[in-house]
Amino acid sequence: MRAAVLGRPVAHSLSPVLHTAAYAALGLGGWSYTAVDCGEDELPGLLSRLGPDWAGLSLTMPLKRAGLAAADEADPLAAAVGAANTLVLGRRRHAYNTDVAGIVGALREVGVTSPRSAVVLGAGGTAQAALAGLAVLGLVSAVVLVRDRDRAGDLLAAADRLGVAVDLRVGLPGPVPAAELLISTLPAGAADGLRPPDGAAVLDVVYAPWPTPLAAATSAAGGTVVSGLAMLLHQAAAQVELMTGRSAPLAAMRAALDAAVRARSEKPPAAAGA
């Protein structure tokens, strides 16, 4: 059986490390998992060419909304979020959103179980999943900072379906309001220079390179840092279970992820022009 992560860019993805480690630990010797560069326009054609040996796909930027549209059936949570990061394949394509499980799992791992206030940075599919994660943790409202109000329509629609009241503010880059929890769903570099709220727990979904400037600023200020790597681990574990029907070997996946991150950090910088 085959599976892959799709997106653009995708070469940096650590999903192959996680899924391959899971297959090995589960004794699924006939399974493979790769990374495939794919944009929104190419997704329908790629899906039409997949044979019965394909078990599932992980979807990263910019495919999370397109993946939901390409599904034959959608899990209620994915439908409410309005974005899917997982397609389970077979006679019909089933869409899921395991980013929510990834966010909740990463936060609970460091003891963030019932925050009283939260700020979300960004308005894309991952921000929509962040609102769903906040709802799971019991929050019914959140401040969302965006760069362009006109691009927040999908996020506001998701918030309405999820029952989360959004205080939408155009304020990036700029000061971040006080809150117990900050979730940044911004792309690499976009949150650099932002000052986290004093004492807040901060989840930055960017995980390469790590720590991000936002994570480093949080640590320096004595806040709780929640790694995007932890979110990646927990959402991948949920994907493994959906695609294989087996319980995810979380310890083996974590060990493989830690080893891959160490190897990347120890790799010497490339020479100029390389």
C-alpha atoms as a PDB file:
ATOM      1  CA  MET A   1       0.000   0.000   0.000  1.00  0.00           C
ATOM      2  CA  ARG A   2       1.108   3.550  -0.718  1.00  0.00           C
ATOM      3  CA  ALA A   3       0.563   6.925   0.914  1.00  0.00           C
ATOM      4  CA  ALA A   4       2.111  10.369   0.539  1.00  0.00           C
ATOM      5  CA  VAL A   5       2.102  13.980   1.679  1.00  0.00           C
ATOM      6  CA  LEU A   6       1.113  16.494  -0.989  1.00  0.00           C
ATOM      7  CA  GLY A   7       1.795  20.220  -1.024  1.00  0.00           C
ATOM      8  CA  ARG A   8       3.937  23.033  -2.345  1.00  0.00           C
ATOM      9  CA  PRO A   9       6.563  23.365  -1.048  1.00  0.00           C
ATOM     10  CA  VAL A  10       6.813  19.851   0.359  1.00  0.00           C
ATOM     11  CA  ALA A  11      10.479  18.820   0.265  1.00  0.00           C
ATOM     12  CA  HIS A  12      10.985  20.000   3.859  1.00  0.00           C
ATOM     13  CA  SER A  13       8.143  17.856   5.224  1.00  0.00           C
ATOM     14  CA  LEU A  14       8.880  15.488   8.102  1.00  0.00           C
ATOM     15  CA  SER A  15       5.680  13.527   7.505  1.00  0.00           C
ATOM     16  CA  PRO A  16       7.557  10.773   5.605  1.00  0.00           C
ATOM     17  CA  VAL A  17       9.751  10.261   8.677  1.00  0.00           C
ATOM     18  CA  LEU A  18       6.731   9.865  10.943  1.00  0.00           C
ATOM     19  CA  HIS A  19       4.645   7.613   8.725  1.00  0.00           C
ATOM     20  CA  THR A  20       7.578   5.408   7.704  1.00  0.00           C
ATOM     21  CA  ALA A  21       8.495   4.923  11.375  1.00  0.00           C
ATOM     22  CA  ALA A  22       4.890   4.006  12.143  1.00  0.00           C
ATOM     23  CA  TYR A  23       4.762   1.405   9.364  1.00  0.00           C
ATOM     24  CA  ALA A  24       7.988  -0.165  10.590  1.00  0.00           C
ATOM     25  CA  ALA A  25       6.777  -0.326  14.189  1.00  0.00           C
ATOM     26  CA  LEU A  26       3.466  -1.825  13.077  1.00  0.00           C
ATOM     27  CA  GLY A  27       5.181  -4.427  10.908  1.00  0.00           C
ATOM     28  CA  LEU A  28       3.620  -3.077   7.703  1.00  0.00           C
ATOM     29  CA  GLY A  29       6.527  -3.992   5.469  1.00  0.00           C
ATOM     30  CA  GLY A  30       4.566  -3.555   2.254  1.00  0.00           C
ATOM     31  CA  TRP A  31       3.647   0.073   2.981  1.00  0.00           C
ATOM     32  CA  SER A  32       5.500   3.153   1.688  1.00  0.00           C
ATOM     33  CA  TYR A  33       5.099   6.900   2.183  1.00  0.00           C
ATOM     34  CA  THR A  34       6.608   9.651   0.030  1.00  0.00           C
ATOM     35  CA  ALA A  35       6.435  13.425  -0.525  1.00  0.00           C
ATOM     36  CA  VAL A  36       4.878  14.717  -3.759  1.00  0.00           C
ATOM     37  CA  ASP A  37       5.018  18.320  -4.955  1.00  0.00           C
ATOM     38  CA  CYS A  38       1.477  19.309  -5.942  1.00  0.00           C
ATOM     39  CA  GLY A  39      -0.424  22.576  -6.311  1.00  0.00           C
ATOM     40  CA  GLU A  40      -4.165  23.185  -6.219  1.00  0.00           C
ATOM     41  CA  ASP A  41      -4.599  23.034  -9.976  1.00  0.00           C
ATOM     42  CA  GLU A  42      -2.826  19.675 -10.210  1.00  0.00           C
ATOM     43  CA  LEU A  43      -4.711  17.961  -7.376  1.00  0.00           C
ATOM     44  CA  PRO A  44      -7.755  16.706  -9.360  1.00  0.00           C
ATOM     45  CA  GLY A  45      -5.552  15.185 -12.053  1.00  0.00           C
ATOM     46  CA  LEU A  46      -3.261  13.544  -9.534  1.00  0.00           C
ATOM     47  CA  LEU A  47      -6.189  12.023  -7.665  1.00  0.00           C
ATOM     48  CA  SER A  48      -7.649  10.628 -10.894  1.00  0.00           C
ATOM     49  CA  ARG A  49      -4.415   8.725 -11.580  1.00  0.00           C
ATOM     50  CA  LEU A  50      -4.167   6.954  -8.213  1.00  0.00           C
ATOM     51  CA  GLY A  51      -4.757   3.207  -8.238  1.00  0.00           C
ATOM     52  CA  PRO A  52      -6.213   0.844  -5.630  1.00  0.00           C
ATOM     53  CA  ASP A  53      -2.803   0.494  -3.985  1.00  0.00           C
ATOM     54  CA  TRP A  54      -3.133   4.006  -2.524  1.00  0.00           C
ATOM     55  CA  ALA A  55      -4.358   4.091   1.096  1.00  0.00           C
ATOM     56  CA  GLY A  56      -4.330   7.810   1.778  1.00  0.00           C
ATOM     57  CA  LEU A  57      -2.864  11.264   1.391  1.00  0.00           C
ATOM     58  CA  SER A  58      -1.700  13.908   3.826  1.00  0.00           C
ATOM     59  CA  LEU A  59      -2.378  17.445   2.584  1.00  0.00           C
ATOM     60  CA  THR A  60      -0.391  20.520   3.481  1.00  0.00           C
ATOM     61  CA  MET A  61      -0.388  24.079   2.112  1.00  0.00           C
ATOM     62  CA  PRO A  62      -1.995  25.048  -0.225  1.00  0.00           C
ATOM     63  CA  LEU A  63      -4.268  21.999  -0.538  1.00  0.00           C
ATOM     64  CA  LYS A  64      -6.350  21.865   2.645  1.00  0.00           C
ATOM     65  CA  ARG A  65      -9.463  23.514   1.252  1.00  0.00           C
ATOM     66  CA  ALA A  66      -9.036  21.938  -2.185  1.00  0.00           C
ATOM     67  CA  GLY A  67      -8.728  18.514  -0.550  1.00  0.00           C
ATOM     68  CA  LEU A  68     -12.080  18.931   1.158  1.00  0.00           C
ATOM     69  CA  ALA A  69     -13.681  19.884  -2.152  1.00  0.00           C
ATOM     70  CA  ALA A  70     -12.149  16.826  -3.843  1.00  0.00           C
ATOM     71  CA  ALA A  71     -13.616  14.358  -1.325  1.00  0.00           C
ATOM     72  CA  ASP A  72     -16.692  12.229  -1.891  1.00  0.00           C
ATOM     73  CA  GLU A  73     -17.492  12.304   1.824  1.00  0.00           C
ATOM     74  CA  ALA A  74     -16.283  14.522   4.663  1.00  0.00           C
ATOM     75  CA  ASP A  75     -16.016  13.797   8.360  1.00  0.00           C
ATOM     76  CA  PRO A  76     -18.315  16.231  10.241  1.00  0.00           C
ATOM     77  CA  LEU A  77     -15.339  17.913  11.925  1.00  0.00           C
ATOM     78  CA  ALA A  78     -13.558  18.497   8.602  1.00  0.00           C
ATOM     79  CA  ALA A  79     -16.790  19.865   7.152  1.00  0.00           C
ATOM     80  CA  ALA A  80     -17.203  22.232  10.102  1.00  0.00           C
ATOM     81  CA  VAL A  81     -13.592  23.386   9.896  1.00  0.00           C
ATOM     82  CA  GLY A  82     -13.896  23.848   6.140  1.00  0.00           C
ATOM     83  CA  ALA A  83     -10.512  22.277   5.450  1.00  0.00           C
ATOM     84  CA  ALA A  84      -9.049  18.784   5.262  1.00  0.00           C
ATOM     85  CA  ASN A  85      -5.470  17.654   5.759  1.00  0.00           C
ATOM     86  CA  THR A  86      -6.201  13.961   5.166  1.00  0.00           C
ATOM     87  CA  LEU A  87      -7.805  11.938   2.396  1.00  0.00           C
ATOM     88  CA  VAL A  88      -8.440   8.262   3.057  1.00  0.00           C
ATOM     89  CA  LEU A  89      -8.721   6.512  -0.283  1.00  0.00           C
ATOM     90  CA  GLY A  90     -10.697   3.533  -1.517  1.00  0.00           C
ATOM     91  CA  ARG A  91     -13.835   3.293  -3.579  1.00  0.00           C
ATOM     92  CA  ARG A  92     -14.682   6.733  -2.214  1.00  0.00           C
ATOM     93  CA  ARG A  93     -12.475   9.555  -0.952  1.00  0.00           C
ATOM     94  CA  HIS A  94     -13.066  10.408   2.698  1.00  0.00           C
ATOM     95  CA  ALA A  95     -11.815  13.764   4.033  1.00  0.00           C
ATOM     96  CA  TYR A  96     -10.663  14.312   7.610  1.00  0.00           C
ATOM     97  CA  ASN A  97      -8.948  17.067   9.555  1.00  0.00           C
ATOM     98  CA  THR A  98      -6.352  15.701  11.970  1.00  0.00           C
ATOM     99  CA  ASP A  99      -4.809  19.152  12.489  1.00  0.00           C
ATOM    100  CA  VAL A 100      -7.408  19.582  15.227  1.00  0.00           C
ATOM    101  CA  ALA A 101      -6.186  16.456  17.021  1.00  0.00           C
ATOM    102  CA  GLY A 102      -2.622  17.648  16.498  1.00  0.00           C
ATOM    103  CA  ILE A 103      -3.288  21.029  18.075  1.00  0.00           C
ATOM    104  CA  VAL A 104      -5.229  19.616  21.022  1.00  0.00           C
ATOM    105  CA  GLY A 105      -2.702  16.833  21.608  1.00  0.00           C
ATOM    106  CA  ALA A 106       0.256  19.215  21.535  1.00  0.00           C
ATOM    107  CA  LEU A 107      -1.385  21.615  23.979  1.00  0.00           C
ATOM    108  CA  ARG A 108      -2.519  18.927  26.394  1.00  0.00           C
ATOM    109  CA  GLU A 109       0.976  17.433  26.372  1.00  0.00           C
ATOM    110  CA  VAL A 110       2.317  20.568  28.107  1.00  0.00           C
ATOM    111  CA  GLY A 111      -0.656  20.954  30.430  1.00  0.00           C
ATOM    112  CA  VAL A 112      -2.698  23.463  28.433  1.00  0.00           C
ATOM    113  CA  THR A 113      -6.119  21.895  28.874  1.00  0.00           C
ATOM    114  CA  SER A 114      -8.567  24.719  29.642  1.00  0.00           C
ATOM    115  CA  PRO A 115      -7.275  28.163  28.605  1.00  0.00           C
ATOM    116  CA  ARG A 116      -9.558  31.063  29.455  1.00  0.00           C
ATOM    117  CA  SER A 117      -8.529  33.258  26.511  1.00  0.00           C
ATOM    118  CA  ALA A 118      -6.778  32.805  23.188  1.00  0.00           C
ATOM    119  CA  VAL A 119      -5.433  34.676  20.182  1.00  0.00           C
ATOM    120  CA  VAL A 120      -5.023  33.045  16.762  1.00  0.00           C
ATOM    121  CA  LEU A 121      -2.723  34.525  14.128  1.00  0.00           C
ATOM    122  CA  GLY A 122      -3.757  33.940  10.514  1.00  0.00           C
ATOM    123  CA  ALA A 123      -6.876  33.137   8.520  1.00  0.00           C
ATOM    124  CA  GLY A 124      -6.022  30.014   6.517  1.00  0.00           C
ATOM    125  CA  GLY A 125      -7.084  26.402   6.852  1.00  0.00           C
ATOM    126  CA  THR A 126      -4.818  25.805   9.862  1.00  0.00           C
ATOM    127  CA  ALA A 127      -6.325  28.823  11.636  1.00  0.00           C
ATOM    128  CA  GLN A 128      -9.751  27.271  11.071  1.00  0.00           C
ATOM    129  CA  ALA A 129      -8.467  24.053  12.661  1.00  0.00           C
ATOM    130  CA  ALA A 130      -7.091  26.109  15.553  1.00  0.00           C
ATOM    131  CA  LEU A 131     -10.573  27.473  16.243  1.00  0.00           C
ATOM    132  CA  ALA A 132     -11.896  23.908  16.297  1.00  0.00           C
ATOM    133  CA  GLY A 133      -9.137  22.951  18.728  1.00  0.00           C
ATOM    134  CA  LEU A 134     -10.080  25.846  20.989  1.00  0.00           C
ATOM    135  CA  ALA A 135     -13.688  24.667  20.923  1.00  0.00           C
ATOM    136  CA  VAL A 136     -12.553  21.183  21.992  1.00  0.00           C
ATOM    137  CA  LEU A 137     -10.716  22.816  24.904  1.00  0.00           C
ATOM    138  CA  GLY A 138     -13.880  24.633  25.963  1.00  0.00           C
ATOM    139  CA  LEU A 139     -13.372  28.130  24.561  1.00  0.00           C
ATOM    140  CA  VAL A 140     -16.360  29.797  22.905  1.00  0.00           C
ATOM    141  CA  SER A 141     -14.556  32.952  21.737  1.00  0.00           C
ATOM    142  CA  ALA A 142     -11.141  34.030  20.446  1.00  0.00           C
ATOM    143  CA  VAL A 143      -9.341  37.028  19.024  1.00  0.00           C
ATOM    144  CA  VAL A 144      -8.044  36.432  15.496  1.00  0.00           C
ATOM    145  CA  LEU A 145      -5.394  38.711  13.988  1.00  0.00           C
ATOM    146  CA  VAL A 146      -5.150  38.802  10.204  1.00  0.00           C
ATOM    147  CA  ARG A 147      -3.304  40.799   7.584  1.00  0.00           C
ATOM    148  CA  ASP A 148      -6.265  41.215   5.234  1.00  0.00           C
ATOM    149  CA  ARG A 149      -9.882  41.251   6.426  1.00  0.00           C
ATOM    150  CA  ASP A 150     -11.117  40.477   2.916  1.00  0.00           C
ATOM    151  CA  ARG A 151      -9.420  37.054   3.026  1.00  0.00           C
ATOM    152  CA  ALA A 152     -11.032  36.004   6.318  1.00  0.00           C
ATOM    153  CA  GLY A 153     -14.433  34.957   4.941  1.00  0.00           C
ATOM    154  CA  ASP A 154     -13.749  31.212   5.119  1.00  0.00           C
ATOM    155  CA  LEU A 155     -12.431  31.535   8.667  1.00  0.00           C
ATOM    156  CA  LEU A 156     -15.503  33.454   9.826  1.00  0.00           C
ATOM    157  CA  ALA A 157     -17.781  30.877   8.212  1.00  0.00           C
ATOM    158  CA  ALA A 158     -15.890  28.094   9.992  1.00  0.00           C
ATOM    159  CA  ALA A 159     -16.134  29.936  13.308  1.00  0.00           C
ATOM    160  CA  ASP A 160     -19.896  30.169  12.878  1.00  0.00           C
ATOM    161  CA  ARG A 161     -20.189  26.427  12.170  1.00  0.00           C
ATOM    162  CA  LEU A 162     -17.958  25.639  15.172  1.00  0.00           C
ATOM    163  CA  GLY A 163     -19.837  27.941  17.554  1.00  0.00           C
ATOM    164  CA  VAL A 164     -16.789  30.104  18.279  1.00  0.00           C
ATOM    165  CA  ALA A 165     -17.290  33.872  18.430  1.00  0.00           C
ATOM    166  CA  VAL A 166     -14.413  35.629  16.648  1.00  0.00           C
ATOM    167  CA  ASP A 167     -13.150  39.113  17.403  1.00  0.00           C
ATOM    168  CA  LEU A 168     -11.477  39.691  14.015  1.00  0.00           C
ATOM    169  CA  ARG A 169      -8.791  42.342  13.961  1.00  0.00           C
ATOM    170  CA  VAL A 170      -6.484  43.545  11.219  1.00  0.00           C
ATOM    171  CA  GLY A 171      -3.220  43.830  13.093  1.00  0.00           C
ATOM    172  CA  LEU A 172      -0.337  41.967  11.511  1.00  0.00           C
ATOM    173  CA  PRO A 173       2.399  42.815  12.041  1.00  0.00           C
ATOM    174  CA  GLY A 174       1.645  44.584  15.277  1.00  0.00           C
ATOM    175  CA  PRO A 175       1.127  44.107  19.032  1.00  0.00           C
ATOM    176  CA  VAL A 176      -0.558  40.899  20.160  1.00  0.00           C
ATOM    177  CA  PRO A 177      -3.411  41.256  22.686  1.00  0.00           C
ATOM    178  CA  ALA A 178      -3.051  39.717  26.125  1.00  0.00           C
ATOM    179  CA  ALA A 179      -4.229  36.104  26.335  1.00  0.00           C
ATOM    180  CA  GLU A 180      -3.403  32.826  28.071  1.00  0.00           C
ATOM    181  CA  LEU A 181      -2.819  31.080  24.747  1.00  0.00           C
ATOM    182  CA  LEU A 182      -1.427  32.222  21.403  1.00  0.00           C
ATOM    183  CA  ILE A 183      -1.572  30.008  18.320  1.00  0.00           C
ATOM    184  CA  SER A 184       0.354  31.199  15.285  1.00  0.00           C
ATOM    185  CA  THR A 185      -0.679  29.590  12.016  1.00  0.00           C
ATOM    186  CA  LEU A 186       1.386  32.034   9.956  1.00  0.00           C
ATOM    187  CA  PRO A 187       3.934  30.796   7.399  1.00  0.00           C
ATOM    188  CA  ALA A 188       7.648  30.749   8.184  1.00  0.00           C
ATOM    189  CA  GLY A 189       8.989  34.222   8.868  1.00  0.00           C
ATOM    190  CA  ALA A 190       5.624  35.967   9.112  1.00  0.00           C
ATOM    191  CA  ALA A 191       5.554  35.915  12.938  1.00  0.00           C
ATOM    192  CA  ASP A 192       9.208  36.907  13.363  1.00  0.00           C
ATOM    193  CA  GLY A 193       9.507  39.974  15.572  1.00  0.00           C
ATOM    194  CA  LEU A 194       6.123  39.561  17.234  1.00  0.00           C
ATOM    195  CA  ARG A 195       6.123  39.785  21.010  1.00  0.00           C
ATOM    196  CA  PRO A 196       4.038  37.074  22.671  1.00  0.00           C
ATOM    197  CA  PRO A 197       1.650  38.028  25.488  1.00  0.00           C
ATOM    198  CA  ASP A 198       3.283  37.958  28.899  1.00  0.00           C
ATOM    199  CA  GLY A 199       3.000  34.538  30.524  1.00  0.00           C
ATOM    200  CA  ALA A 200       1.190  33.002  27.581  1.00  0.00           C
ATOM    201  CA  ALA A 201       1.526  29.513  26.223  1.00  0.00           C
ATOM    202  CA  VAL A 202       2.488  29.816  22.553  1.00  0.00           C
ATOM    203  CA  LEU A 203       2.011  27.223  19.827  1.00  0.00           C
ATOM    204  CA  ASP A 204       3.839  28.053  16.598  1.00  0.00           C
ATOM    205  CA  VAL A 205       2.819  25.605  13.881  1.00  0.00           C
ATOM    206  CA  VAL A 206       6.043  26.321  11.973  1.00  0.00           C
ATOM    207  CA  TYR A 207       8.584  23.661  12.933  1.00  0.00           C
ATOM    208  CA  ALA A 208      11.529  24.221  10.585  1.00  0.00           C
ATOM    209  CA  PRO A 209      13.850  25.693  11.562  1.00  0.00           C
ATOM    210  CA  TRP A 210      13.191  25.240  15.276  1.00  0.00           C
ATOM    211  CA  PRO A 211      13.017  27.130  17.518  1.00  0.00           C
ATOM    212  CA  THR A 212      11.329  29.874  15.542  1.00  0.00           C
ATOM    213  CA  PRO A 213      11.940  33.484  16.631  1.00  0.00           C
ATOM    214  CA  LEU A 214       8.443  33.517  18.150  1.00  0.00           C
ATOM    215  CA  ALA A 215       9.185  30.365  20.145  1.00  0.00           C
ATOM    216  CA  ALA A 216      12.539  31.772  21.272  1.00  0.00           C
ATOM    217  CA  ALA A 217      10.894  35.019  22.378  1.00  0.00           C
ATOM    218  CA  THR A 218       8.303  33.054  24.345  1.00  0.00           C
ATOM    219  CA  SER A 219      10.972  30.999  26.079  1.00  0.00           C
ATOM    220  CA  ALA A 220      13.019  34.110  26.897  1.00  0.00           C
ATOM    221  CA  ALA A 221       9.941  35.720  28.439  1.00  0.00           C
ATOM    222  CA  GLY A 222       9.243  32.681  30.619  1.00  0.00           C
ATOM    223  CA  GLY A 223       6.193  31.520  28.703  1.00  0.00           C
ATOM    224  CA  THR A 224       5.261  27.966  27.793  1.00  0.00           C
ATOM    225  CA  VAL A 225       6.476  26.950  24.338  1.00  0.00           C
ATOM    226  CA  VAL A 226       4.379  24.434  22.435  1.00  0.00           C
ATOM    227  CA  SER A 227       6.333  23.059  19.499  1.00  0.00           C
ATOM    228  CA  GLY A 228       4.894  22.783  16.027  1.00  0.00           C
ATOM    229  CA  LEU A 229       6.721  19.465  16.005  1.00  0.00           C
ATOM    230  CA  ALA A 230       4.374  18.178  18.711  1.00  0.00           C
ATOM    231  CA  MET A 231       1.391  19.205  16.614  1.00  0.00           C
ATOM    232  CA  LEU A 232       2.949  17.446  13.619  1.00  0.00           C
ATOM    233  CA  LEU A 233       3.445  14.273  15.666  1.00  0.00           C
ATOM    234  CA  HIS A 234      -0.104  14.090  17.004  1.00  0.00           C
ATOM    235  CA  GLN A 235      -1.801  14.902  13.707  1.00  0.00           C
ATOM    236  CA  ALA A 236       0.342  12.284  11.943  1.00  0.00           C
ATOM    237  CA  ALA A 237      -0.580   9.699  14.569  1.00  0.00           C
ATOM    238  CA  ALA A 238      -4.255  10.315  13.841  1.00  0.00           C
ATOM    239  CA  GLN A 239      -3.564   9.984  10.099  1.00  0.00           C
ATOM    240  CA  VAL A 240      -1.786   6.669  10.595  1.00  0.00           C
ATOM    241  CA  GLU A 241      -4.798   5.311  12.453  1.00  0.00           C
ATOM    242  CA  LEU A 242      -7.199   6.483   9.744  1.00  0.00           C
ATOM    243  CA  MET A 243      -5.125   5.063   6.890  1.00  0.00           C
ATOM    244  CA  THR A 244      -4.067   1.747   8.447  1.00  0.00           C
ATOM    245  CA  GLY A 245      -6.864   0.969  10.906  1.00  0.00           C
ATOM    246  CA  ARG A 246      -4.193   0.313  13.554  1.00  0.00           C
ATOM    247  CA  SER A 247      -3.307   2.198  16.741  1.00  0.00           C
ATOM    248  CA  ALA A 248      -0.468   4.631  16.101  1.00  0.00           C
ATOM    249  CA  PRO A 249       2.895   3.700  17.704  1.00  0.00           C
ATOM    250  CA  LEU A 250       3.401   7.160  19.195  1.00  0.00           C
ATOM    251  CA  ALA A 251       6.677   6.396  20.980  1.00  0.00           C
ATOM    252  CA  ALA A 252       8.343   5.060  17.818  1.00  0.00           C
ATOM    253  CA  MET A 253       7.087   8.006  15.803  1.00  0.00           C
ATOM    254  CA  ARG A 254       8.338  10.488  18.396  1.00  0.00           C
ATOM    255  CA  ALA A 255      11.777   8.859  18.483  1.00  0.00           C
ATOM    256  CA  ALA A 256      12.065   8.996  14.684  1.00  0.00           C
ATOM    257  CA  LEU A 257      10.958  12.628  14.633  1.00  0.00           C
ATOM    258  CA  ASP A 258      13.465  13.622  17.327  1.00  0.00           C
ATOM    259  CA  ALA A 259      16.265  11.856  15.442  1.00  0.00           C
ATOM    260  CA  ALA A 260      15.363  13.575  12.173  1.00  0.00           C
ATOM    261  CA  VAL A 261      15.277  17.003  13.814  1.00  0.00           C
ATOM    262  CA  ARG A 262      18.673  16.401  15.442  1.00  0.00           C
ATOM    263  CA  ALA A 263      20.138  15.295  12.111  1.00  0.00           C
ATOM    264  CA  ARG A 264      18.897  18.443  10.415  1.00  0.00           C
ATOM    265  CA  SER A 265      20.250  20.694  13.148  1.00  0.00           C
ATOM    266  CA  GLU A 266      23.669  19.023  12.972  1.00  0.00           C
ATOM    267  CA  LYS A 267      23.919  19.246   9.196  1.00  0.00           C
ATOM    268  CA  PRO A 268      26.648  21.725   8.184  1.00  0.00           C
ATOM    269  CA  PRO A 269      25.466  24.788   6.254  1.00  0.00           C
ATOM    270  CA  ALA A 270      25.715  24.574   2.486  1.00  0.00           C
ATOM    271  CA  ALA A 271      28.481  26.474   0.787  1.00  0.00           C
ATOM    272  CA  ALA A 272      27.596  29.690  -1.018  1.00  0.00           C
ATOM    273  CA  GLY A 273      25.987  28.922  -4.345  1.00  0.00           C
ATOM    274  CA  ALA A 274      25.291  25.290  -3.417  1.00  0.00           C
END
